[in-house]
Structure formats: structure tokens, C-alpha cells
Protein backbone atom coordinates (compact mmCIF):
# COMPACT_ATOMS: atom_id res chain seq x y z
CA MET A 1 -25.47 117.81 -19.73
CA ASN A 2 -22.72 119.06 -22.61
CA VAL A 3 -24.55 119.59 -25.85
CA ILE A 4 -22.47 120.00 -28.95
CA ARG A 5 -22.92 121.38 -32.24
CA TYR A 6 -21.80 120.03 -35.48
CA THR A 7 -22.82 122.04 -38.89
CA PRO A 8 -19.89 121.10 -41.43
CA GLY A 9 -20.23 121.84 -44.58
CA PRO A 10 -18.86 120.59 -48.33
CA GLN A 11 -15.02 120.93 -46.95
CA ASP A 12 -15.55 118.56 -43.66
CA TRP A 13 -17.88 116.05 -45.19
CA ALA A 14 -16.30 112.46 -45.51
CA HIS A 15 -16.62 109.95 -48.04
CA HIS A 16 -15.11 106.75 -46.56
CA PHE A 17 -15.35 105.18 -43.10
CA GLY A 18 -11.92 104.41 -42.35
CA PRO A 19 -8.23 106.12 -41.04
CA ALA A 20 -8.54 109.92 -40.87
CA GLU A 21 -8.53 113.18 -38.53
CA PRO A 22 -11.39 113.44 -36.48
CA LYS A 23 -13.56 116.50 -37.04
CA ILE A 24 -14.76 117.27 -33.03
CA SER A 25 -13.98 115.03 -30.02
CA ILE A 26 -17.07 113.61 -28.05
CA ALA A 27 -17.59 112.11 -24.37
CA PRO A 28 -19.81 109.13 -23.11
CA GLY A 29 -23.42 110.77 -22.10
CA ASP A 30 -22.60 114.06 -24.73
CA VAL A 31 -25.82 115.19 -26.81
CA VAL A 32 -24.50 115.90 -30.40
CA GLN A 33 -26.30 118.05 -32.65
CA VAL A 34 -25.42 117.89 -36.52
CA ALA A 35 -26.64 118.48 -39.43
CA THR A 36 -26.38 116.27 -42.60
CA GLU A 37 -26.59 116.58 -46.36
CA ASP A 38 -27.97 114.54 -48.44
CA CYS A 39 -27.03 111.27 -50.39
CA PHE A 40 -26.46 113.81 -53.45
CA GLY A 41 -24.64 116.51 -51.63
CA GLY A 42 -27.22 119.22 -51.98
CA LEU A 43 -26.68 119.27 -55.54
CA VAL A 44 -29.62 118.25 -57.26
CA THR A 45 -31.91 121.47 -57.05
CA SER A 46 -34.62 120.75 -59.46
CA PRO A 47 -35.89 117.65 -61.09
CA SER A 48 -34.24 118.18 -64.37
CA ASP A 49 -30.79 117.90 -62.46
CA LEU A 50 -29.91 114.38 -62.92
CA PRO A 51 -27.88 112.96 -60.49
CA SER A 52 -25.30 110.95 -62.57
CA GLU A 53 -24.53 114.54 -64.75
CA VAL A 54 -24.38 116.72 -61.58
CA VAL A 55 -23.02 114.50 -58.72
CA PRO A 56 -19.89 112.50 -58.92
CA PHE A 57 -19.99 108.94 -58.04
CA GLU A 58 -17.18 109.65 -55.66
CA ALA A 59 -19.05 112.80 -53.90
CA LEU A 60 -22.71 110.47 -53.50
CA ASN A 61 -23.69 109.86 -49.49
CA PRO A 62 -21.09 112.48 -47.79
CA VAL A 63 -21.25 111.73 -44.02
CA SER A 64 -20.51 114.27 -41.45
CA GLY A 65 -18.07 113.69 -38.35
CA PRO A 66 -15.33 111.30 -38.20
CA PHE A 67 -15.79 112.12 -34.54
CA HIS A 68 -13.71 110.69 -32.44
CA VAL A 69 -15.34 109.11 -28.89
CA GLU A 70 -13.42 109.46 -25.87
CA GLY A 71 -12.21 106.30 -23.88
CA ALA A 72 -13.23 104.00 -26.71
CA GLU A 73 -10.87 101.61 -27.47
CA PRO A 74 -10.77 98.09 -30.04
CA GLY A 75 -12.91 95.37 -28.94
CA ASP A 76 -15.57 97.80 -27.14
CA ALA A 77 -19.45 98.02 -28.10
CA LEU A 78 -20.27 101.88 -28.96
CA ALA A 79 -23.91 102.25 -28.23
CA VAL A 80 -25.55 105.52 -30.48
CA HIS A 81 -28.83 106.58 -29.33
CA PHE A 82 -31.02 108.53 -31.61
CA ILE A 83 -32.32 111.40 -29.76
CA ASP A 84 -34.29 113.24 -32.83
CA ILE A 85 -33.75 113.31 -36.44
CA VAL A 86 -35.96 115.78 -38.13
CA PRO A 87 -35.27 117.03 -42.27
CA SER A 88 -33.52 120.55 -42.50
CA ARG A 89 -35.32 121.67 -45.80
CA ASN A 90 -39.19 120.90 -47.08
CA THR A 91 -37.99 119.08 -49.91
CA ALA A 92 -36.84 115.65 -50.22
CA ILE A 93 -35.66 113.41 -53.51
CA SER A 94 -35.55 110.14 -54.69
CA SER A 95 -34.53 108.92 -57.97
CA LEU A 96 -34.02 106.23 -60.71
CA PHE A 97 -30.39 105.44 -62.15
CA PRO A 98 -29.28 103.98 -64.87
CA HIS A 99 -27.04 101.29 -63.52
CA PHE A 100 -28.47 101.09 -59.50
CA GLY A 101 -31.22 99.54 -57.54
CA SER A 102 -32.85 95.93 -56.82
CA LEU A 103 -34.72 96.00 -60.82
CA SER A 104 -32.33 97.73 -62.56
CA PRO A 105 -28.92 95.74 -64.44
CA THR A 106 -25.89 96.67 -62.48
CA HIS A 107 -21.53 95.43 -63.27
CA GLU A 108 -22.87 93.38 -60.33
CA THR A 109 -26.07 92.00 -62.09
CA ALA A 110 -25.20 91.12 -65.19
CA LEU A 111 -28.26 91.01 -67.56
CA LEU A 112 -29.08 92.02 -71.50
CA ALA A 113 -31.56 94.06 -70.73
CA GLU A 114 -31.40 98.22 -71.41
CA PRO A 115 -30.58 100.26 -67.87
CA LEU A 116 -33.72 102.26 -66.37
CA PRO A 117 -34.55 105.80 -67.40
CA GLU A 118 -33.06 108.08 -64.82
CA LYS A 119 -35.83 110.26 -63.41
CA VAL A 120 -35.62 112.06 -60.78
CA TRP A 121 -39.16 112.94 -58.41
CA PHE A 122 -39.14 116.04 -55.63
CA TYR A 123 -41.44 115.56 -52.27
CA ASP A 124 -43.05 118.79 -50.66
CA LEU A 125 -42.51 118.49 -47.20
CA ASP A 126 -44.94 119.54 -44.46
CA LEU A 127 -43.22 118.91 -41.32
CA ASP A 128 -46.49 120.48 -39.05
CA ARG A 129 -48.26 117.75 -40.66
CA TRP A 130 -45.18 115.73 -40.52
CA THR A 131 -46.31 114.58 -44.83
CA ALA A 132 -44.91 113.60 -48.52
CA ARG A 133 -46.36 114.83 -51.38
CA PHE A 134 -45.77 112.25 -54.20
CA ARG A 135 -46.48 113.26 -57.60
CA ALA A 136 -46.52 111.21 -59.91
CA LEU A 137 -44.46 111.76 -63.46
CA SER A 138 -47.01 109.97 -65.64
CA SER A 139 -50.18 111.48 -64.45
CA ASP A 140 -51.75 114.02 -62.05
CA PHE A 141 -52.01 111.36 -59.33
CA THR A 142 -50.97 112.48 -55.70
CA LEU A 143 -49.95 110.78 -52.47
CA GLU A 144 -49.78 112.03 -49.20
CA LEU A 145 -46.71 109.63 -47.23
CA PRO A 146 -46.29 109.97 -43.36
CA LEU A 147 -42.87 111.14 -43.07
CA ASP A 148 -40.65 108.40 -40.83
CA PRO A 149 -37.13 110.28 -40.94
CA MET A 150 -33.58 107.54 -40.43
CA HIS A 151 -30.24 107.73 -40.79
CA GLY A 152 -28.73 105.45 -44.13
CA THR A 153 -25.32 105.20 -43.39
CA ILE A 154 -23.70 105.39 -39.55
CA GLY A 155 -20.28 103.34 -38.88
CA VAL A 156 -17.38 103.21 -37.57
CA ALA A 157 -13.50 102.91 -38.92
CA PRO A 158 -13.06 99.40 -39.61
CA ALA A 159 -10.70 97.21 -38.61
CA ALA A 160 -6.64 97.04 -39.83
CA GLY A 161 -6.52 99.96 -40.82
CA GLU A 162 -9.14 99.82 -43.63
CA SER A 163 -10.34 102.19 -45.52
CA ARG A 164 -14.06 101.50 -46.98
CA LEU A 165 -16.30 104.17 -49.22
CA VAL A 166 -19.45 104.72 -47.15
CA MET A 167 -22.31 102.85 -50.34
CA VAL A 168 -20.46 99.66 -48.66
CA PRO A 169 -22.24 98.00 -45.25
CA SER A 170 -20.74 95.77 -43.50
CA THR A 171 -19.43 95.18 -39.45
CA TYR A 172 -18.49 98.25 -39.08
CA GLY A 173 -21.94 99.76 -40.27
CA GLY A 174 -22.19 101.48 -43.52
CA ASN A 175 -24.32 101.95 -46.10
CA LEU A 176 -27.08 99.90 -43.85
CA ASP A 177 -30.16 101.30 -45.17
CA THR A 178 -33.00 99.84 -42.57
CA PRO A 179 -35.82 102.20 -41.76
CA GLU A 180 -35.26 100.82 -38.09
CA MET A 181 -32.81 103.30 -37.74
CA ARG A 182 -35.00 105.97 -36.53
CA ALA A 183 -35.37 108.32 -33.70
CA GLY A 184 -35.65 106.07 -30.33
CA THR A 185 -33.44 103.47 -31.79
CA THR A 186 -29.88 102.86 -30.08
CA LEU A 187 -27.22 101.17 -32.63
CA TYR A 188 -24.33 98.81 -31.33
CA LEU A 189 -21.31 99.07 -33.39
CA PRO A 190 -17.88 97.19 -32.75
CA VAL A 191 -14.58 99.94 -31.49
CA ASN A 192 -11.87 99.35 -33.97
CA THR A 193 -9.71 101.91 -33.29
CA ASP A 194 -9.19 104.40 -30.53
CA GLY A 195 -12.01 107.16 -30.73
CA ALA A 196 -14.04 104.67 -32.95
CA LEU A 197 -14.49 107.37 -35.26
CA LEU A 198 -17.96 107.74 -36.13
CA ALA A 199 -19.58 109.48 -38.75
CA LEU A 200 -23.00 109.39 -40.30
CA GLY A 201 -25.38 110.98 -42.79
CA ASP A 202 -27.77 109.51 -45.85
CA GLY A 203 -30.88 110.67 -44.07
CA HIS A 204 -34.29 109.44 -45.26
CA ALA A 205 -37.59 111.44 -44.74
CA ARG A 206 -38.92 107.75 -45.43
CA GLN A 207 -37.96 104.77 -47.13
CA GLY A 208 -39.42 101.10 -47.39
CA GLU A 209 -38.14 98.23 -46.84
CA GLY A 210 -35.24 97.02 -49.40
CA GLU A 211 -34.79 100.60 -50.64
CA VAL A 212 -35.77 98.62 -53.90
CA THR A 213 -35.54 101.89 -56.85
CA GLY A 214 -32.00 102.31 -54.71
CA THR A 215 -33.18 105.88 -53.09
CA GLY A 216 -35.20 106.90 -50.08
CA LEU A 217 -36.71 110.03 -49.75
CA GLU A 218 -32.69 111.62 -49.20
CA CYS A 219 -32.89 114.88 -47.90
CA ALA A 220 -30.61 116.75 -45.36
CA MET A 221 -31.11 116.43 -41.82
CA HIS A 222 -30.62 117.76 -38.32
CA THR A 223 -29.63 115.73 -35.95
CA VAL A 224 -29.47 114.95 -31.67
CA PHE A 225 -27.73 111.91 -31.08
CA THR A 226 -25.55 110.90 -27.79
CA VAL A 227 -22.94 108.30 -27.31
CA GLU A 228 -22.11 105.32 -24.41
CA VAL A 229 -19.12 103.03 -24.56
CA ILE A 230 -19.31 99.53 -23.41
CA LYS A 231 -16.14 98.33 -22.58
CA GLY A 232 -15.01 95.09 -23.61
CA ALA A 233 -18.34 94.22 -25.72
CA ALA A 234 -17.53 94.66 -29.40
CA PRO A 235 -20.69 93.04 -30.96
CA ALA A 236 -19.79 90.76 -34.26
CA TRP A 237 -22.14 92.36 -36.48
CA PRO A 238 -24.08 95.91 -35.92
CA ARG A 239 -26.58 95.60 -33.50
CA LEU A 240 -29.85 97.59 -32.76
CA GLU A 241 -32.47 98.34 -29.59
CA ASN A 242 -35.65 100.16 -29.79
CA GLU A 243 -38.55 99.50 -27.29
CA HIS A 244 -40.01 96.35 -28.28
CA SER A 245 -37.05 94.76 -30.15
CA ILE A 246 -33.85 93.43 -30.25
CA MET A 247 -32.23 93.50 -33.59
CA SER A 248 -29.11 92.15 -35.38
CA THR A 249 -28.26 92.94 -38.88
CA GLY A 250 -25.63 90.97 -41.45
CA SER A 251 -24.69 93.15 -44.51
CA ILE A 252 -22.90 90.52 -47.27
CA ARG A 253 -24.09 88.70 -51.31
CA PRO A 254 -25.64 86.86 -52.10
CA LEU A 255 -29.19 87.51 -49.88
CA GLU A 256 -29.39 84.14 -48.41
CA ASP A 257 -26.10 84.67 -46.86
CA ALA A 258 -27.05 88.45 -45.52
CA TYR A 259 -30.05 86.73 -43.75
CA ARG A 260 -28.42 83.69 -41.94
CA ILE A 261 -25.40 86.17 -40.83
CA SER A 262 -28.49 88.51 -38.98
CA GLN A 263 -30.39 85.16 -38.06
CA LYS A 264 -26.70 83.51 -36.28
CA ASP A 265 -26.01 86.97 -34.02
CA LEU A 266 -29.51 86.90 -33.07
CA VAL A 267 -29.24 83.31 -31.49
CA GLU A 268 -26.13 84.13 -29.87
CA TRP A 269 -27.57 87.22 -28.91
CA VAL A 270 -31.12 85.67 -27.41
CA THR A 271 -28.49 82.79 -25.94
CA ASP A 272 -26.49 85.43 -24.15
CA LEU A 273 -29.97 87.05 -22.29
CA LEU A 274 -31.88 84.12 -21.55
CA PRO A 275 -30.73 80.86 -19.69
CA VAL A 276 -30.56 78.41 -22.19
CA ASP A 277 -28.59 77.05 -24.83
CA ARG A 278 -27.83 78.41 -28.05
CA PHE A 279 -30.49 75.47 -29.96
CA ASP A 280 -33.19 76.51 -27.57
CA ALA A 281 -32.50 79.83 -28.58
CA TYR A 282 -33.12 78.49 -32.35
CA GLN A 283 -35.79 77.69 -31.23
CA LEU A 284 -37.34 80.68 -30.11
CA VAL A 285 -35.94 82.84 -32.73
CA SER A 286 -37.38 80.83 -35.11
CA GLN A 287 -41.21 80.79 -33.90
CA LEU A 288 -41.09 84.56 -32.52
CA GLY A 289 -38.34 86.29 -34.93
CA THR A 290 -39.25 88.48 -37.85
CA ALA A 291 -36.96 89.21 -40.86
CA PRO A 292 -37.68 92.32 -42.76
CA VAL A 293 -34.97 93.39 -45.29
CA ALA A 294 -32.87 96.83 -45.06
CA ASN A 295 -32.10 96.74 -48.85
CA VAL A 296 -31.23 94.90 -51.74
CA CYS A 297 -29.34 97.48 -54.05
CA ASP A 298 -26.27 98.35 -51.88
CA PRO A 299 -22.67 96.93 -52.89
CA ASN A 300 -23.33 94.13 -50.24
CA TYR A 301 -27.65 93.83 -48.98
CA THR A 302 -28.84 93.79 -45.61
CA PHE A 303 -30.87 92.07 -43.46
CA VAL A 304 -32.15 93.00 -40.20
CA SER A 305 -33.81 90.25 -37.91
CA ARG A 306 -35.55 90.78 -34.49
CA PHE A 307 -36.89 89.52 -31.71
CA PRO A 308 -39.50 90.45 -29.14
CA LYS A 309 -38.09 91.96 -26.27
CA SER A 310 -41.16 90.98 -24.16
CA VAL A 311 -39.57 87.38 -23.84
CA LEU A 312 -36.77 88.69 -22.28
CA GLY A 313 -38.64 89.96 -19.02
CA THR A 314 -35.69 92.08 -16.63
CA GLU A 315 -32.95 91.63 -18.37
CA GLN A 316 -31.60 93.81 -20.61
CA ALA A 317 -28.73 93.93 -23.11
CA TYR A 318 -25.49 95.19 -22.66
CA GLY A 319 -26.34 96.18 -19.16
CA GLY A 320 -29.76 98.46 -19.99
CA ALA A 321 -27.42 100.48 -22.38
CA HIS A 322 -30.48 101.80 -24.08
CA ALA A 323 -32.52 102.45 -21.18
CA ARG A 324 -29.71 104.90 -19.93
CA LEU A 325 -29.82 106.32 -23.49
CA ALA A 326 -32.95 106.96 -23.76
CA ALA A 327 -33.53 108.32 -20.04
CA VAL A 328 -30.14 111.46 -21.55
CA ALA A 329 -32.73 111.80 -24.35
CA GLU A 330 -35.61 112.42 -22.25
CA GLU A 331 -33.43 114.64 -20.47
CA TYR A 332 -32.78 116.83 -23.40
CA ARG A 333 -35.85 117.06 -24.51
CA SER A 334 -37.47 118.02 -20.63
CA ALA A 335 -34.66 120.96 -21.23
CA ASN A 336 -35.27 121.81 -24.86
CA ALA A 337 -38.40 123.17 -26.96
CA ARG A 338 -37.03 122.53 -30.41
CA ILE A 339 -34.07 120.02 -30.95
CA TRP A 340 -31.69 122.21 -33.28
């Protein structure tokens, strides 16, 4: 097993998905230990630091990478399996932005209403107890929340040489902000350029579905992942798989079109995996599927449509890629007392 560690500094972060010089090259089967910074670039250090004042807009959501994946060519699928995602600090940060979030007027949602006040919450993280401590700003109320670390942003270079700000989720991945992107999940991305140019960041110690305020529990992460290239199998939209479910995503505005994209892709995926036509698959997805919303705050909204793997029997997506990568993860854990 080849283990690669990558710890970038501010001069190494990327802020776009697209053509760029890769930072390092990785091969299928390699295990990568990568450090990622929080969405504020580490510049919010106390509750008195207002993100809009200390973080330039173009510096939000820095990602680590891009990584050149050996053998990845346009038309392939890149399978990325999260082995572990662990906060690298004992605090996480959440905030309200005056012109961001699902319940605030923005330049895309024009309202005759005042912008929300900018507020910052610091959460104390206890990695031994695997909890985060919420403290109300308006009272003495506190609440302990279970950690559920995930990455909000991960993607590859878009097609046709396009460059996209990391804040935008789309066909190449990006700022999907789904809590499903946790350890034990495999993400399938379409490869659009040689080497894929994979990058990730925007760690959340936890996040509710929809990310209604526009922020989760934002924190720096120590993350471990591995990859596989599946030749000629590029999905139209990012897909996910875990022990229990296959999941399709859709990212666009309005929200109902994001839902439709994810549902259509899931129907097509089920059609490929079961001996049924698309209308039978449509019926099964209608009765067995679930559809958690991922984000309703980013430049594109994201829906996730989910289908139980128990119905698939012995049929495995992408020839069992998730099981193969999960085996690599288990081998890595067996050989490493700590992930980092």
C-alpha cells in the first residue's frame, strides 16, 4: 500500500475547478492523507471576526489539490472513497452572512427586506467524546451535538477547459454540501480531462440537510481517501454509494429541477442495475426512494436521490468498486493505529 501525505499551505490552495498545474500525482489504489483548511481559510479566529470583513469573497472555500490521477481519461469515472474525515482543530465555526443562506435576501433572491445580521458561533469539539458544543448567543442555553464529519466541496476539472469557482456545484462535483459525503462513502465523478484534477476541501464537523444558513460546522480536516479509475463509465452527474444505498445528485436552480435531475439519473442507474426497463425502474424509485436535500443556499441548489442496495441483490454498481475501495480502507485502518 502506497500512502501519500499532502499538507498544503495558503500558497497551495485552489479556488477554482478547472485547468491548473497539479500539486501531486496519485495512482489508483494509493491512500492519500490530505490536510484541508476551513471555508474561511483559517482567518476567522474569534467570534468577533466577521467573515465578510476578514475573508475576501474569492478566498472562501479553499480546496487542497488538484491531484493528477494516473490513467484517468475523459469518459472515465473517478471513484473516490473517503476512509476517514477527522477535525484537525478543537473548534468549528458557523455563521450568518448578511446576503447568503436560504432565508436571507441575496442578489439571486431579490426581496424588499433587510439583510440578516452577521453573527459567528464557535463550537468546541471534543474528539474523544465525538461531540460539538453549541452555545446560544442570546442566552445561556447550550446543547451537545454528535459529530458527523463530511466534505462539502470535492470535484474534478469541468469539461471543455472551463474554470468554475469552487462555490458552484454542478456536473463535475463542486460545492455539493451533502452530509452523505462522510467516511465510508464512495463518490463517482465524471473525468473530463487527462488526470481528472481532483481537489477537495470545505470540511464540516456536521451539517443539517439543506445547510439552511449557508454554513455547517466549518473546520479544518485531516482526511484520508483512496481512488479507482473505472474506464468508460463517466456518470452524467456525481453519484454516491455507501453500505446501504446508491445515490444520484442534481445541482441547478430552481430546486425542483435539481430534484428532477437527481431522480432521472437514479431511475437510469436502477435501470442499469436491475433487469427492468426505465418505467419499471421509475415505479420502484417512486416507492422505495428517498430524496434528502443537500443545499439550498449555494449558487446552484443540490438534491440527493437515494435507493436501497438491498433491492439490488448481488448486482453491484460499477463492478463492485465501492466494495474494493472499502477493502483498501479496511487494510489501511488495520495497519495504522491513527489515521494521520
